[in-house]
N, C-alpha and C. Protein backbone atom coordinates (compact mmCIF):
# COMPACT_ATOMS: atom_id res chain seq x y z
N MET A 1 -192.65 36.67 0.87
CA MET A 1 -193.57 37.68 0.40
C MET A 1 -194.32 38.23 1.62
N PHE A 2 -194.54 39.54 1.60
CA PHE A 2 -195.20 40.22 2.70
C PHE A 2 -196.38 41.00 2.14
N LEU A 3 -197.57 40.79 2.70
CA LEU A 3 -198.78 41.47 2.24
C LEU A 3 -199.17 42.54 3.25
N THR A 4 -199.12 43.81 2.80
CA THR A 4 -199.49 44.91 3.68
C THR A 4 -199.79 46.15 2.87
N ASP A 5 -200.61 47.02 3.43
CA ASP A 5 -200.86 48.33 2.84
C ASP A 5 -200.23 49.43 3.69
N ASP A 6 -199.63 49.07 4.80
CA ASP A 6 -199.01 50.03 5.71
C ASP A 6 -197.68 50.50 5.12
N LEU A 7 -197.56 51.80 4.87
CA LEU A 7 -196.37 52.35 4.22
C LEU A 7 -195.09 52.08 5.02
N ASP A 8 -195.12 52.29 6.33
CA ASP A 8 -193.92 52.06 7.14
C ASP A 8 -193.50 50.59 7.09
N ALA A 9 -194.47 49.69 7.18
CA ALA A 9 -194.17 48.26 7.11
C ALA A 9 -193.63 47.88 5.74
N ARG A 10 -194.19 48.46 4.69
CA ARG A 10 -193.71 48.18 3.33
C ARG A 10 -192.25 48.59 3.19
N GLU A 11 -191.94 49.81 3.64
CA GLU A 11 -190.58 50.33 3.52
C GLU A 11 -189.60 49.48 4.31
N ALA A 12 -189.97 49.09 5.52
CA ALA A 12 -189.09 48.27 6.35
C ALA A 12 -188.83 46.92 5.68
N ALA A 13 -189.88 46.30 5.16
CA ALA A 13 -189.72 45.01 4.50
C ALA A 13 -188.86 45.13 3.24
N GLU A 14 -189.11 46.15 2.44
CA GLU A 14 -188.32 46.34 1.22
C GLU A 14 -186.85 46.59 1.55
N ASN A 15 -186.59 47.29 2.65
CA ASN A 15 -185.21 47.58 3.05
C ASN A 15 -184.42 46.32 3.39
N ILE A 16 -185.12 45.27 3.79
CA ILE A 16 -184.41 44.02 4.09
C ILE A 16 -184.62 42.97 3.00
N GLY A 17 -185.12 43.43 1.85
CA GLY A 17 -185.19 42.56 0.68
C GLY A 17 -186.42 41.68 0.57
N ILE A 18 -187.48 42.00 1.30
CA ILE A 18 -188.70 41.20 1.23
C ILE A 18 -189.61 41.78 0.15
N GLU A 19 -190.15 40.91 -0.68
CA GLU A 19 -191.10 41.32 -1.72
C GLU A 19 -192.42 41.71 -1.05
N VAL A 20 -192.92 42.90 -1.38
CA VAL A 20 -194.11 43.43 -0.73
C VAL A 20 -195.23 43.63 -1.75
N HIS A 21 -196.45 43.26 -1.36
CA HIS A 21 -197.63 43.48 -2.19
C HIS A 21 -198.75 44.00 -1.30
N GLY A 22 -199.54 44.93 -1.86
CA GLY A 22 -200.68 45.47 -1.14
C GLY A 22 -201.98 45.04 -1.78
N SER A 23 -203.06 45.63 -1.33
CA SER A 23 -204.40 45.25 -1.80
C SER A 23 -204.56 45.40 -3.30
N VAL A 24 -204.08 46.51 -3.86
CA VAL A 24 -204.21 46.73 -5.30
C VAL A 24 -203.47 45.64 -6.06
N GLY A 25 -202.27 45.33 -5.65
CA GLY A 25 -201.49 44.29 -6.31
C GLY A 25 -202.13 42.91 -6.23
N ILE A 26 -202.74 42.61 -5.11
CA ILE A 26 -203.40 41.32 -4.94
C ILE A 26 -204.60 41.20 -5.89
N ILE A 27 -205.36 42.28 -6.00
CA ILE A 27 -206.52 42.26 -6.90
C ILE A 27 -206.07 42.13 -8.35
N VAL A 28 -205.06 42.87 -8.74
CA VAL A 28 -204.55 42.78 -10.12
C VAL A 28 -204.02 41.37 -10.40
N ARG A 29 -203.32 40.81 -9.45
CA ARG A 29 -202.81 39.44 -9.63
C ARG A 29 -203.95 38.43 -9.77
N ALA A 30 -204.99 38.59 -8.97
CA ALA A 30 -206.15 37.70 -9.06
C ALA A 30 -206.78 37.78 -10.45
N PHE A 31 -206.82 38.98 -11.02
CA PHE A 31 -207.34 39.14 -12.38
C PHE A 31 -206.44 38.42 -13.38
N LYS A 32 -205.14 38.64 -13.28
CA LYS A 32 -204.20 38.03 -14.22
C LYS A 32 -204.21 36.51 -14.14
N GLU A 33 -204.54 35.99 -12.97
CA GLU A 33 -204.61 34.53 -12.80
C GLU A 33 -206.04 34.01 -13.03
N ARG A 34 -206.88 34.89 -13.57
CA ARG A 34 -208.25 34.56 -13.96
C ARG A 34 -209.14 34.12 -12.81
N MET A 35 -208.86 34.68 -11.63
CA MET A 35 -209.71 34.43 -10.47
C MET A 35 -210.84 35.46 -10.40
N LEU A 36 -210.63 36.60 -11.07
CA LEU A 36 -211.63 37.66 -11.15
C LEU A 36 -211.83 38.05 -12.61
N THR A 37 -213.06 38.41 -12.96
CA THR A 37 -213.32 38.94 -14.30
C THR A 37 -212.85 40.39 -14.35
N LEU A 38 -212.83 40.96 -15.54
CA LEU A 38 -212.47 42.36 -15.68
C LEU A 38 -213.43 43.24 -14.87
N GLU A 39 -214.71 42.95 -14.97
CA GLU A 39 -215.70 43.75 -14.26
C GLU A 39 -215.54 43.64 -12.74
N GLU A 40 -215.31 42.43 -12.25
CA GLU A 40 -215.10 42.23 -10.80
C GLU A 40 -213.84 42.96 -10.34
N THR A 41 -212.82 42.93 -11.16
CA THR A 41 -211.56 43.58 -10.82
C THR A 41 -211.73 45.09 -10.73
N ILE A 42 -212.37 45.66 -11.73
CA ILE A 42 -212.58 47.11 -11.73
C ILE A 42 -213.45 47.52 -10.54
N ARG A 43 -214.49 46.76 -10.27
CA ARG A 43 -215.36 47.05 -9.12
C ARG A 43 -214.57 46.97 -7.81
N SER A 44 -213.76 45.94 -7.67
CA SER A 44 -212.97 45.76 -6.45
C SER A 44 -211.96 46.89 -6.27
N LEU A 45 -211.31 47.28 -7.34
CA LEU A 45 -210.34 48.39 -7.25
C LEU A 45 -211.04 49.68 -6.87
N ASN A 46 -212.18 49.98 -7.51
CA ASN A 46 -212.91 51.19 -7.16
C ASN A 46 -213.41 51.14 -5.71
N ASP A 47 -213.80 49.96 -5.24
CA ASP A 47 -214.26 49.82 -3.86
C ASP A 47 -213.16 50.13 -2.86
N ILE A 48 -211.92 49.80 -3.20
CA ILE A 48 -210.81 50.15 -2.29
C ILE A 48 -210.80 51.65 -2.07
N HIS A 49 -210.94 52.39 -3.14
CA HIS A 49 -210.91 53.85 -3.03
C HIS A 49 -212.18 54.41 -2.43
N ASP A 50 -213.32 53.89 -2.86
CA ASP A 50 -214.60 54.50 -2.49
C ASP A 50 -215.19 54.01 -1.17
N LYS A 51 -214.92 52.77 -0.79
CA LYS A 51 -215.62 52.18 0.35
C LYS A 51 -214.73 51.76 1.52
N SER A 52 -213.44 51.55 1.26
CA SER A 52 -212.60 51.05 2.35
C SER A 52 -211.99 52.19 3.14
N ARG A 53 -211.38 51.84 4.24
CA ARG A 53 -210.69 52.82 5.07
C ARG A 53 -209.22 52.97 4.68
N LEU A 54 -208.80 52.19 3.69
CA LEU A 54 -207.43 52.31 3.20
C LEU A 54 -207.28 53.61 2.43
N PHE A 55 -206.13 54.24 2.57
CA PHE A 55 -205.87 55.40 1.74
C PHE A 55 -205.09 54.94 0.52
N VAL A 56 -205.76 54.93 -0.59
CA VAL A 56 -205.13 54.65 -1.88
C VAL A 56 -205.64 55.75 -2.80
N SER A 57 -204.71 56.47 -3.41
CA SER A 57 -205.13 57.59 -4.25
C SER A 57 -205.89 57.11 -5.48
N LYS A 58 -206.75 57.95 -5.98
CA LYS A 58 -207.51 57.64 -7.19
C LYS A 58 -206.56 57.44 -8.38
N ILE A 59 -205.45 58.12 -8.37
CA ILE A 59 -204.46 57.96 -9.45
C ILE A 59 -203.94 56.53 -9.49
N ILE A 60 -203.64 55.95 -8.34
CA ILE A 60 -203.16 54.56 -8.28
C ILE A 60 -204.24 53.61 -8.75
N ILE A 61 -205.47 53.83 -8.33
CA ILE A 61 -206.59 52.98 -8.76
C ILE A 61 -206.76 53.07 -10.27
N ASP A 62 -206.74 54.28 -10.81
CA ASP A 62 -206.90 54.46 -12.26
C ASP A 62 -205.77 53.80 -13.04
N GLU A 63 -204.56 53.87 -12.52
CA GLU A 63 -203.42 53.21 -13.18
C GLU A 63 -203.61 51.69 -13.18
N ALA A 64 -204.08 51.15 -12.08
CA ALA A 64 -204.32 49.71 -12.00
C ALA A 64 -205.42 49.29 -12.98
N ILE A 65 -206.47 50.08 -13.08
CA ILE A 65 -207.55 49.77 -14.01
C ILE A 65 -207.05 49.82 -15.45
N ARG A 66 -206.24 50.81 -15.77
CA ARG A 66 -205.65 50.87 -17.13
C ARG A 66 -204.80 49.63 -17.40
N ALA A 67 -204.04 49.20 -16.40
CA ALA A 67 -203.17 48.03 -16.57
C ALA A 67 -203.98 46.76 -16.82
N VAL A 68 -205.07 46.57 -16.09
CA VAL A 68 -205.86 45.34 -16.30
C VAL A 68 -206.59 45.39 -17.64
N ARG A 69 -207.04 46.56 -18.04
CA ARG A 69 -207.67 46.67 -19.37
C ARG A 69 -206.67 46.37 -20.48
N LYS A 70 -205.46 46.88 -20.33
CA LYS A 70 -204.40 46.62 -21.32
C LYS A 70 -204.07 45.13 -21.34
N HIS A 71 -203.97 44.53 -20.16
CA HIS A 71 -203.69 43.09 -20.08
C HIS A 71 -204.79 42.28 -20.77
N LYS A 72 -206.03 42.68 -20.56
CA LYS A 72 -207.18 42.00 -21.17
C LYS A 72 -207.10 42.08 -22.70
N GLN A 73 -206.72 43.24 -23.23
CA GLN A 73 -206.62 43.43 -24.67
C GLN A 73 -205.49 42.61 -25.27
N SER A 74 -204.40 42.46 -24.52
CA SER A 74 -203.24 41.73 -25.06
C SER A 74 -203.38 40.22 -24.87
N GLY A 75 -204.31 39.81 -24.01
CA GLY A 75 -204.46 38.39 -23.68
C GLY A 75 -205.44 37.76 -24.54
């Protein structure tokens, strides 16, 4: 497994068959494994977009928030 938010590094790793996860995926996984509450997860995801230097589109953040809310409802 390879953890990165760098697009070129992600593509290179995927091309050789390495499973890649970025910041959004790590936060969502932490929520699913009950390491973060729903509120902490949503705050952390919004902080990636609003406070970090990472470029993650608001669309991706909103999709991740929808996914964790759906997971919460089904769990």
